[in-house]
Amino acid sequence: MCLGVPGRVVSIDPEDELRARVDFWGVEREVRLDVVDQPVAPGDYVLNHVGFAIRRIPEEEIEETLALYDQLLAELEREDLMAADVRSELAATAREPRRG
């Protein structure tokens, strides 16, 4: 099973509008916007999967989504499979993008 990680769009690169800075619980990472389902703007929340925003989270779902992930992250101590998957998703977003 694969999970996406929710984050808040901080900024969009003015030189490359397919790159954004996204805040994941206080950690900012670059995320690609190539495959996101709807246009996003700073302040929007997106679901990220291995460095790609795959879905803009509708405003009415943000609170519930973040609460669910807070609960999952609290379970990291227990080392269940879901928590391990969330940790791997967070680790994937932590990799710095390769510069060509």
PDB file of N, CA and C in Angstrom:
ATOM      1  N   MET A   1       0.837  -1.159   0.000  1.00  0.00           N
ATOM      2  CA  MET A   1       0.000   0.000   0.000  1.00  0.00           C
ATOM      3  C   MET A   1       0.894   1.238   0.000  1.00  0.00           C
ATOM      4  N   CYS A   2       0.494   2.235  -0.748  1.00  0.00           N
ATOM      5  CA  CYS A   2       1.220   3.494  -0.806  1.00  0.00           C
ATOM      6  C   CYS A   2       0.338   4.600  -0.257  1.00  0.00           C
ATOM      7  N   LEU A   3       0.963   5.509   0.461  1.00  0.00           N
ATOM      8  CA  LEU A   3       0.242   6.649   1.011  1.00  0.00           C
ATOM      9  C   LEU A   3       0.853   7.926   0.491  1.00  0.00           C
ATOM     10  N   GLY A   4       0.028   8.930   0.367  1.00  0.00           N
ATOM     11  CA  GLY A   4       0.522  10.264   0.107  1.00  0.00           C
ATOM     12  C   GLY A   4       0.617  10.997   1.427  1.00  0.00           C
ATOM     13  N   VAL A   5       1.394  12.066   1.462  1.00  0.00           N
ATOM     14  CA  VAL A   5       1.570  12.852   2.666  1.00  0.00           C
ATOM     15  C   VAL A   5       1.026  14.252   2.401  1.00  0.00           C
ATOM     16  N   PRO A   6       0.124  14.744   3.250  1.00  0.00           N
ATOM     17  CA  PRO A   6      -0.423  16.080   3.026  1.00  0.00           C
ATOM     18  C   PRO A   6       0.564  17.164   3.434  1.00  0.00           C
ATOM     19  N   GLY A   7       0.532  18.254   2.688  1.00  0.00           N
ATOM     20  CA  GLY A   7       1.369  19.402   3.012  1.00  0.00           C
ATOM     21  C   GLY A   7       0.752  20.670   2.469  1.00  0.00           C
ATOM     22  N   ARG A   8       1.195  21.805   3.017  1.00  0.00           N
ATOM     23  CA  ARG A   8       0.674  23.113   2.606  1.00  0.00           C
ATOM     24  C   ARG A   8       1.649  23.774   1.645  1.00  0.00           C
ATOM     25  N   VAL A   9       1.149  24.211   0.499  1.00  0.00           N
ATOM     26  CA  VAL A   9       1.974  24.885  -0.492  1.00  0.00           C
ATOM     27  C   VAL A   9       2.394  26.239   0.074  1.00  0.00           C
ATOM     28  N   VAL A  10       3.702  26.450   0.155  1.00  0.00           N
ATOM     29  CA  VAL A  10       4.254  27.697   0.664  1.00  0.00           C
ATOM     30  C   VAL A  10       4.461  28.681  -0.479  1.00  0.00           C
ATOM     31  N   SER A  11       5.039  28.180  -1.576  1.00  0.00           N
ATOM     32  CA  SER A  11       5.298  29.043  -2.726  1.00  0.00           C
ATOM     33  C   SER A  11       5.410  28.193  -3.980  1.00  0.00           C
ATOM     34  N   ILE A  12       5.224  28.854  -5.105  1.00  0.00           N
ATOM     35  CA  ILE A  12       5.402  28.215  -6.407  1.00  0.00           C
ATOM     36  C   ILE A  12       6.533  28.948  -7.106  1.00  0.00           C
ATOM     37  N   ASP A  13       7.447  28.198  -7.662  1.00  0.00           N
ATOM     38  CA  ASP A  13       8.619  28.763  -8.335  1.00  0.00           C
ATOM     39  C   ASP A  13       8.169  29.618  -9.513  1.00  0.00           C
ATOM     40  N   PRO A  14       8.473  30.910  -9.503  1.00  0.00           N
ATOM     41  CA  PRO A  14       8.017  31.765 -10.604  1.00  0.00           C
ATOM     42  C   PRO A  14       8.701  31.444 -11.935  1.00  0.00           C
ATOM     43  N   GLU A  15       9.866  30.820 -11.890  1.00  0.00           N
ATOM     44  CA  GLU A  15      10.572  30.451 -13.115  1.00  0.00           C
ATOM     45  C   GLU A  15      10.153  29.091 -13.649  1.00  0.00           C
ATOM     46  N   ASP A  16       9.596  28.259 -12.797  1.00  0.00           N
ATOM     47  CA  ASP A  16       9.124  26.929 -13.194  1.00  0.00           C
ATOM     48  C   ASP A  16       7.863  26.642 -12.382  1.00  0.00           C
ATOM     49  N   GLU A  17       6.716  26.950 -12.941  1.00  0.00           N
ATOM     50  CA  GLU A  17       5.454  26.822 -12.213  1.00  0.00           C
ATOM     51  C   GLU A  17       5.050  25.386 -11.925  1.00  0.00           C
ATOM     52  N   LEU A  18       5.893  24.437 -12.292  1.00  0.00           N
ATOM     53  CA  LEU A  18       5.639  23.037 -11.952  1.00  0.00           C
ATOM     54  C   LEU A  18       6.436  22.604 -10.726  1.00  0.00           C
ATOM     55  N   ARG A  19       7.089  23.568 -10.050  1.00  0.00           N
ATOM     56  CA  ARG A  19       7.813  23.288  -8.809  1.00  0.00           C
ATOM     57  C   ARG A  19       7.256  24.158  -7.705  1.00  0.00           C
ATOM     58  N   ALA A  20       7.056  23.556  -6.541  1.00  0.00           N
ATOM     59  CA  ALA A  20       6.529  24.299  -5.397  1.00  0.00           C
ATOM     60  C   ALA A  20       7.309  23.918  -4.144  1.00  0.00           C
ATOM     61  N   ARG A  21       7.328  24.826  -3.177  1.00  0.00           N
ATOM     62  CA  ARG A  21       7.829  24.528  -1.839  1.00  0.00           C
ATOM     63  C   ARG A  21       6.609  24.175  -1.011  1.00  0.00           C
ATOM     64  N   VAL A  22       6.669  23.029  -0.343  1.00  0.00           N
ATOM     65  CA  VAL A  22       5.535  22.546   0.434  1.00  0.00           C
ATOM     66  C   VAL A  22       6.010  22.266   1.857  1.00  0.00           C
ATOM     67  N   ASP A  23       5.205  22.678   2.818  1.00  0.00           N
ATOM     68  CA  ASP A  23       5.497  22.498   4.232  1.00  0.00           C
ATOM     69  C   ASP A  23       4.826  21.224   4.726  1.00  0.00           C
ATOM     70  N   PHE A  24       5.654  20.296   5.231  1.00  0.00           N
ATOM     71  CA  PHE A  24       5.176  19.053   5.835  1.00  0.00           C
ATOM     72  C   PHE A  24       5.523  19.097   7.315  1.00  0.00           C
ATOM     73  N   TRP A  25       4.582  19.511   8.145  1.00  0.00           N
ATOM     74  CA  TRP A  25       4.786  19.564   9.591  1.00  0.00           C
ATOM     75  C   TRP A  25       6.068  20.306   9.956  1.00  0.00           C
ATOM     76  N   GLY A  26       6.291  21.456   9.332  1.00  0.00           N
ATOM     77  CA  GLY A  26       7.442  22.279   9.650  1.00  0.00           C
ATOM     78  C   GLY A  26       8.686  22.010   8.816  1.00  0.00           C
ATOM     79  N   VAL A  27       8.649  21.025   7.952  1.00  0.00           N
ATOM     80  CA  VAL A  27       9.774  20.727   7.063  1.00  0.00           C
ATOM     81  C   VAL A  27       9.354  21.072   5.644  1.00  0.00           C
ATOM     82  N   GLU A  28      10.104  21.970   4.998  1.00  0.00           N
ATOM     83  CA  GLU A  28       9.774  22.361   3.634  1.00  0.00           C
ATOM     84  C   GLU A  28      10.589  21.546   2.640  1.00  0.00           C
ATOM     85  N   ARG A  29       9.895  21.100   1.595  1.00  0.00           N
ATOM     86  CA  ARG A  29      10.527  20.321   0.530  1.00  0.00           C
ATOM     87  C   ARG A  29      10.002  20.793  -0.815  1.00  0.00           C
ATOM     88  N   GLU A  30      10.816  20.566  -1.836  1.00  0.00           N
ATOM     89  CA  GLU A  30      10.364  20.839  -3.193  1.00  0.00           C
ATOM     90  C   GLU A  30       9.468  19.700  -3.655  1.00  0.00           C
ATOM     91  N   VAL A  31       8.370  20.068  -4.279  1.00  0.00           N
ATOM     92  CA  VAL A  31       7.409  19.088  -4.797  1.00  0.00           C
ATOM     93  C   VAL A  31       7.087  19.469  -6.237  1.00  0.00           C
ATOM     94  N   ARG A  32       6.981  18.469  -7.083  1.00  0.00           N
ATOM     95  CA  ARG A  32       6.616  18.690  -8.482  1.00  0.00           C
ATOM     96  C   ARG A  32       5.092  18.768  -8.588  1.00  0.00           C
ATOM     97  N   LEU A  33       4.622  19.607  -9.503  1.00  0.00           N
ATOM     98  CA  LEU A  33       3.183  19.792  -9.709  1.00  0.00           C
ATOM     99  C   LEU A  33       2.721  19.223 -11.050  1.00  0.00           C
ATOM    100  N   ASP A  34       3.556  18.403 -11.685  1.00  0.00           N
ATOM    101  CA  ASP A  34       3.252  17.875 -13.017  1.00  0.00           C
ATOM    102  C   ASP A  34       1.957  17.073 -13.088  1.00  0.00           C
ATOM    103  N   VAL A  35       1.640  16.324 -12.044  1.00  0.00           N
ATOM    104  CA  VAL A  35       0.512  15.393 -12.128  1.00  0.00           C
ATOM    105  C   VAL A  35      -0.649  15.729 -11.195  1.00  0.00           C
ATOM    106  N   VAL A  36      -0.574  16.857 -10.495  1.00  0.00           N
ATOM    107  CA  VAL A  36      -1.653  17.221  -9.577  1.00  0.00           C
ATOM    108  C   VAL A  36      -2.955  17.383 -10.364  1.00  0.00           C
ATOM    109  N   ASP A  37      -4.051  17.011  -9.729  1.00  0.00           N
ATOM    110  CA  ASP A  37      -5.341  16.954 -10.425  1.00  0.00           C
ATOM    111  C   ASP A  37      -5.991  18.303 -10.683  1.00  0.00           C
ATOM    112  N   GLN A  38      -5.573  19.360  -9.969  1.00  0.00           N
ATOM    113  CA  GLN A  38      -6.161  20.693 -10.116  1.00  0.00           C
ATOM    114  C   GLN A  38      -5.062  21.728  -9.904  1.00  0.00           C
ATOM    115  N   PRO A  39      -5.239  22.930 -10.439  1.00  0.00           N
ATOM    116  CA  PRO A  39      -4.265  23.992 -10.163  1.00  0.00           C
ATOM    117  C   PRO A  39      -4.175  24.263  -8.666  1.00  0.00           C
ATOM    118  N   VAL A  40      -2.973  24.605  -8.214  1.00  0.00           N
ATOM    119  CA  VAL A  40      -2.769  24.919  -6.793  1.00  0.00           C
ATOM    120  C   VAL A  40      -2.137  26.297  -6.670  1.00  0.00           C
ATOM    121  N   ALA A  41      -2.316  26.879  -5.503  1.00  0.00           N
ATOM    122  CA  ALA A  41      -1.755  28.189  -5.185  1.00  0.00           C
ATOM    123  C   ALA A  41      -1.189  28.126  -3.774  1.00  0.00           C
ATOM    124  N   PRO A  42      -0.297  29.071  -3.424  1.00  0.00           N
ATOM    125  CA  PRO A  42       0.187  29.107  -2.047  1.00  0.00           C
ATOM    126  C   PRO A  42      -0.990  29.132  -1.068  1.00  0.00           C
ATOM    127  N   GLY A  43      -0.860  28.327  -0.017  1.00  0.00           N
ATOM    128  CA  GLY A  43      -1.919  28.198   0.981  1.00  0.00           C
ATOM    129  C   GLY A  43      -2.776  26.968   0.782  1.00  0.00           C
ATOM    130  N   ASP A  44      -2.795  26.419  -0.445  1.00  0.00           N
ATOM    131  CA  ASP A  44      -3.536  25.186  -0.700  1.00  0.00           C
ATOM    132  C   ASP A  44      -2.804  24.001  -0.068  1.00  0.00           C
ATOM    133  N   TYR A  45      -3.550  22.959   0.219  1.00  0.00           N
ATOM    134  CA  TYR A  45      -2.960  21.709   0.693  1.00  0.00           C
ATOM    135  C   TYR A  45      -2.995  20.699  -0.443  1.00  0.00           C
ATOM    136  N   VAL A  46      -1.894  19.932  -0.554  1.00  0.00           N
ATOM    137  CA  VAL A  46      -1.805  18.892  -1.581  1.00  0.00           C
ATOM    138  C   VAL A  46      -1.433  17.580  -0.921  1.00  0.00           C
ATOM    139  N   LEU A  47      -1.769  16.510  -1.608  1.00  0.00           N
ATOM    140  CA  LEU A  47      -1.348  15.176  -1.192  1.00  0.00           C
ATOM    141  C   LEU A  47      -0.120  14.844  -2.025  1.00  0.00           C
ATOM    142  N   ASN A  48       0.993  14.587  -1.364  1.00  0.00           N
ATOM    143  CA  ASN A  48       2.277  14.346  -2.009  1.00  0.00           C
ATOM    144  C   ASN A  48       2.611  12.859  -1.982  1.00  0.00           C
ATOM    145  N   HIS A  49       3.113  12.366  -3.097  1.00  0.00           N
ATOM    146  CA  HIS A  49       3.598  10.984  -3.155  1.00  0.00           C
ATOM    147  C   HIS A  49       4.960  11.014  -3.836  1.00  0.00           C
ATOM    148  N   VAL A  50       5.992  10.646  -3.103  1.00  0.00           N
ATOM    149  CA  VAL A  50       7.389  10.611  -3.545  1.00  0.00           C
ATOM    150  C   VAL A  50       7.792  11.834  -4.364  1.00  0.00           C
ATOM    151  N   GLY A  51       7.477  13.022  -3.838  1.00  0.00           N
ATOM    152  CA  GLY A  51       7.927  14.249  -4.458  1.00  0.00           C
ATOM    153  C   GLY A  51       7.008  14.840  -5.510  1.00  0.00           C
ATOM    154  N   PHE A  52       5.849  14.232  -5.728  1.00  0.00           N
ATOM    155  CA  PHE A  52       4.881  14.738  -6.689  1.00  0.00           C
ATOM    156  C   PHE A  52       3.552  15.002  -5.993  1.00  0.00           C
ATOM    157  N   ALA A  53       3.011  16.202  -6.201  1.00  0.00           N
ATOM    158  CA  ALA A  53       1.661  16.486  -5.723  1.00  0.00           C
ATOM    159  C   ALA A  53       0.704  15.735  -6.636  1.00  0.00           C
ATOM    160  N   ILE A  54      -0.109  14.860  -6.055  1.00  0.00           N
ATOM    161  CA  ILE A  54      -1.012  14.058  -6.877  1.00  0.00           C
ATOM    162  C   ILE A  54      -2.458  14.522  -6.764  1.00  0.00           C
ATOM    163  N   ARG A  55      -2.751  15.323  -5.745  1.00  0.00           N
ATOM    164  CA  ARG A  55      -4.139  15.755  -5.540  1.00  0.00           C
ATOM    165  C   ARG A  55      -4.157  17.004  -4.685  1.00  0.00           C
ATOM    166  N   ARG A  56      -4.965  17.983  -5.088  1.00  0.00           N
ATOM    167  CA  ARG A  56      -5.204  19.134  -4.223  1.00  0.00           C
ATOM    168  C   ARG A  56      -6.284  18.709  -3.231  1.00  0.00           C
ATOM    169  N   ILE A  57      -6.040  18.917  -1.957  1.00  0.00           N
ATOM    170  CA  ILE A  57      -7.009  18.524  -0.936  1.00  0.00           C
ATOM    171  C   ILE A  57      -8.057  19.631  -0.840  1.00  0.00           C
ATOM    172  N   PRO A  58      -9.323  19.291  -1.052  1.00  0.00           N
ATOM    173  CA  PRO A  58     -10.381  20.301  -0.939  1.00  0.00           C
ATOM    174  C   PRO A  58     -10.394  20.903   0.467  1.00  0.00           C
ATOM    175  N   GLU A  59     -10.708  22.190   0.533  1.00  0.00           N
ATOM    176  CA  GLU A  59     -10.675  22.909   1.809  1.00  0.00           C
ATOM    177  C   GLU A  59     -11.501  22.211   2.886  1.00  0.00           C
ATOM    178  N   GLU A  60     -12.652  21.658   2.510  1.00  0.00           N
ATOM    179  CA  GLU A  60     -13.518  21.020   3.506  1.00  0.00           C
ATOM    180  C   GLU A  60     -12.948  19.700   4.030  1.00  0.00           C
ATOM    181  N   GLU A  61     -11.886  19.172   3.408  1.00  0.00           N
ATOM    182  CA  GLU A  61     -11.267  17.911   3.840  1.00  0.00           C
ATOM    183  C   GLU A  61      -9.955  18.106   4.589  1.00  0.00           C
ATOM    184  N   ILE A  62      -9.430  19.321   4.611  1.00  0.00           N
ATOM    185  CA  ILE A  62      -8.101  19.551   5.172  1.00  0.00           C
ATOM    186  C   ILE A  62      -8.026  19.171   6.648  1.00  0.00           C
ATOM    187  N   GLU A  63      -8.941  19.680   7.450  1.00  0.00           N
ATOM    188  CA  GLU A  63      -8.888  19.430   8.898  1.00  0.00           C
ATOM    189  C   GLU A  63      -8.934  17.931   9.205  1.00  0.00           C
ATOM    190  N   GLU A  64      -9.860  17.231   8.571  1.00  0.00           N
ATOM    191  CA  GLU A  64      -9.990  15.788   8.805  1.00  0.00           C
ATOM    192  C   GLU A  64      -8.747  15.034   8.326  1.00  0.00           C
ATOM    193  N   THR A  65      -8.214  15.431   7.171  1.00  0.00           N
ATOM    194  CA  THR A  65      -7.023  14.767   6.626  1.00  0.00           C
ATOM    195  C   THR A  65      -5.832  14.955   7.548  1.00  0.00           C
ATOM    196  N   LEU A  66      -5.593  16.186   7.996  1.00  0.00           N
ATOM    197  CA  LEU A  66      -4.458  16.438   8.881  1.00  0.00           C
ATOM    198  C   LEU A  66      -4.615  15.714  10.212  1.00  0.00           C
ATOM    199  N   ALA A  67      -5.821  15.648  10.732  1.00  0.00           N
ATOM    200  CA  ALA A  67      -6.057  14.926  11.989  1.00  0.00           C
ATOM    201  C   ALA A  67      -5.742  13.443  11.832  1.00  0.00           C
ATOM    202  N   LEU A  68      -6.120  12.871  10.704  1.00  0.00           N
ATOM    203  CA  LEU A  68      -5.820  11.460  10.446  1.00  0.00           C
ATOM    204  C   LEU A  68      -4.317  11.223  10.406  1.00  0.00           C
ATOM    205  N   TYR A  69      -3.582  12.080   9.714  1.00  0.00           N
ATOM    206  CA  TYR A  69      -2.132  11.902   9.635  1.00  0.00           C
ATOM    207  C   TYR A  69      -1.456  12.171  10.967  1.00  0.00           C
ATOM    208  N   ASP A  70      -1.962  13.110  11.752  1.00  0.00           N
ATOM    209  CA  ASP A  70      -1.416  13.309  13.095  1.00  0.00           C
ATOM    210  C   ASP A  70      -1.566  12.028  13.912  1.00  0.00           C
ATOM    211  N   GLN A  71      -2.710  11.381  13.775  1.00  0.00           N
ATOM    212  CA  GLN A  71      -2.936  10.122  14.481  1.00  0.00           C
ATOM    213  C   GLN A  71      -1.975   9.047  13.987  1.00  0.00           C
ATOM    214  N   LEU A  72      -1.780   8.959  12.677  1.00  0.00           N
ATOM    215  CA  LEU A  72      -0.855   7.963  12.132  1.00  0.00           C
ATOM    216  C   LEU A  72       0.572   8.209  12.605  1.00  0.00           C
ATOM    217  N   LEU A  73       0.983   9.465  12.616  1.00  0.00           N
ATOM    218  CA  LEU A  73       2.341   9.775  13.067  1.00  0.00           C
ATOM    219  C   LEU A  73       2.522   9.454  14.540  1.00  0.00           C
ATOM    220  N   ALA A  74       1.479   9.615  15.336  1.00  0.00           N
ATOM    221  CA  ALA A  74       1.563   9.262  16.753  1.00  0.00           C
ATOM    222  C   ALA A  74       1.776   7.761  16.927  1.00  0.00           C
ATOM    223  N   GLU A  75       1.359   6.984  15.944  1.00  0.00           N
ATOM    224  CA  GLU A  75       1.504   5.534  16.007  1.00  0.00           C
ATOM    225  C   GLU A  75       2.908   5.061  15.636  1.00  0.00           C
ATOM    226  N   LEU A  76       3.778   5.960  15.199  1.00  0.00           N
ATOM    227  CA  LEU A  76       5.138   5.550  14.820  1.00  0.00           C
ATOM    228  C   LEU A  76       5.837   4.786  15.943  1.00  0.00           C
ATOM    229  N   GLU A  77       5.522   5.126  17.157  1.00  0.00           N
ATOM    230  CA  GLU A  77       6.130   4.451  18.306  1.00  0.00           C
ATOM    231  C   GLU A  77       5.802   2.962  18.318  1.00  0.00           C
ATOM    232  N   ARG A  78       4.648   2.607  17.784  1.00  0.00           N
ATOM    233  CA  ARG A  78       4.201   1.215  17.847  1.00  0.00           C
ATOM    234  C   ARG A  78       4.746   0.368  16.707  1.00  0.00           C
ATOM    235  N   GLU A  79       5.321   0.994  15.677  1.00  0.00           N
ATOM    236  CA  GLU A  79       5.940   0.276  14.566  1.00  0.00           C
ATOM    237  C   GLU A  79       4.981  -0.643  13.816  1.00  0.00           C
ATOM    238  N   ASP A  80       3.743  -0.231  13.639  1.00  0.00           N
ATOM    239  CA  ASP A  80       2.862  -1.047  12.815  1.00  0.00           C
ATOM    240  C   ASP A  80       3.129  -0.766  11.340  1.00  0.00           C
ATOM    241  N   LEU A  81       2.555  -1.549  10.442  1.00  0.00           N
ATOM    242  CA  LEU A  81       2.831  -1.426   9.017  1.00  0.00           C
ATOM    243  C   LEU A  81       2.395  -0.081   8.449  1.00  0.00           C
ATOM    244  N   MET A  82       1.278   0.430   8.886  1.00  0.00           N
ATOM    245  CA  MET A  82       0.810   1.723   8.385  1.00  0.00           C
ATOM    246  C   MET A  82       1.800   2.815   8.750  1.00  0.00           C
ATOM    247  N   ALA A  83       2.275   2.827   9.984  1.00  0.00           N
ATOM    248  CA  ALA A  83       3.224   3.846  10.411  1.00  0.00           C
ATOM    249  C   ALA A  83       4.531   3.732   9.642  1.00  0.00           C
ATOM    250  N   ALA A  84       4.976   2.534   9.382  1.00  0.00           N
ATOM    251  CA  ALA A  84       6.197   2.341   8.603  1.00  0.00           C
ATOM    252  C   ALA A  84       6.029   2.907   7.200  1.00  0.00           C
ATOM    253  N   ASP A  85       4.846   2.739   6.606  1.00  0.00           N
ATOM    254  CA  ASP A  85       4.589   3.274   5.274  1.00  0.00           C
ATOM    255  C   ASP A  85       4.591   4.797   5.292  1.00  0.00           C
ATOM    256  N   VAL A  86       3.991   5.389   6.321  1.00  0.00           N
ATOM    257  CA  VAL A  86       3.992   6.843   6.445  1.00  0.00           C
ATOM    258  C   VAL A  86       5.427   7.344   6.599  1.00  0.00           C
ATOM    259  N   ARG A  87       6.223   6.664   7.431  1.00  0.00           N
ATOM    260  CA  ARG A  87       7.613   7.069   7.619  1.00  0.00           C
ATOM    261  C   ARG A  87       8.385   6.993   6.303  1.00  0.00           C
ATOM    262  N   SER A  88       8.153   5.968   5.493  1.00  0.00           N
ATOM    263  CA  SER A  88       8.859   5.862   4.216  1.00  0.00           C
ATOM    264  C   SER A  88       8.446   6.982   3.265  1.00  0.00           C
ATOM    265  N   GLU A  89       7.178   7.376   3.300  1.00  0.00           N
ATOM    266  CA  GLU A  89       6.729   8.502   2.474  1.00  0.00           C
ATOM    267  C   GLU A  89       7.403   9.789   2.927  1.00  0.00           C
ATOM    268  N   LEU A  90       7.485  10.018   4.233  1.00  0.00           N
ATOM    269  CA  LEU A  90       8.148  11.221   4.737  1.00  0.00           C
ATOM    270  C   LEU A  90       9.628  11.210   4.369  1.00  0.00           C
ATOM    271  N   ALA A  91      10.253  10.056   4.454  1.00  0.00           N
ATOM    272  CA  ALA A  91      11.665   9.953   4.088  1.00  0.00           C
ATOM    273  C   ALA A  91      11.863  10.238   2.604  1.00  0.00           C
ATOM    274  N   ALA A  92      10.939   9.790   1.772  1.00  0.00           N
ATOM    275  CA  ALA A  92      11.053  10.034   0.330  1.00  0.00           C
ATOM    276  C   ALA A  92      10.978  11.515   0.020  1.00  0.00           C
ATOM    277  N   THR A  93      10.170  12.264   0.756  1.00  0.00           N
ATOM    278  CA  THR A  93      10.069  13.707   0.510  1.00  0.00           C
ATOM    279  C   THR A  93      11.289  14.435   1.047  1.00  0.00           C
ATOM    280  N   ALA A  94      12.057  13.801   1.916  1.00  0.00           N
ATOM    281  CA  ALA A  94      13.208  14.453   2.500  1.00  0.00           C
ATOM    282  C   ALA A  94      14.419  14.462   1.570  1.00  0.00           C
ATOM    283  N   ARG A  95      14.411  13.644   0.543  1.00  0.00           N
ATOM    284  CA  ARG A  95      15.531  13.618  -0.385  1.00  0.00           C
ATOM    285  C   ARG A  95      15.558  14.902  -1.190  1.00  0.00           C
ATOM    286  N   GLU A  96      16.733  15.474  -1.277  1.00  0.00           N
ATOM    287  CA  GLU A  96      16.884  16.668  -2.089  1.00  0.00           C
ATOM    288  C   GLU A  96      16.833  16.270  -3.559  1.00  0.00           C
ATOM    289  N   PRO A  97      16.137  17.047  -4.389  1.00  0.00           N
ATOM    290  CA  PRO A  97      16.071  16.727  -5.804  1.00  0.00           C
ATOM    291  C   PRO A  97      17.443  16.852  -6.465  1.00  0.00           C
ATOM    292  N   ARG A  98      17.682  15.958  -7.428  1.00  0.00           N
ATOM    293  CA  ARG A  98      18.932  16.033  -8.172  1.00  0.00           C
ATOM    294  C   ARG A  98      18.899  17.239  -9.090  1.00  0.00           C
ATOM    295  N   ARG A  99      19.982  17.899  -9.187  1.00  0.00           N
ATOM    296  CA  ARG A  99      20.095  19.060 -10.067  1.00  0.00           C
ATOM    297  C   ARG A  99      20.901  18.637 -11.283  1.00  0.00           C
ATOM    298  N   GLY A 100      20.342  18.931 -12.439  1.00  0.00           N
ATOM    299  CA  GLY A 100      20.948  18.481 -13.681  1.00  0.00           C
ATOM    300  C   GLY A 100      21.911  19.424 -14.192  1.00  0.00           C
TER     301      GLY A 100
END
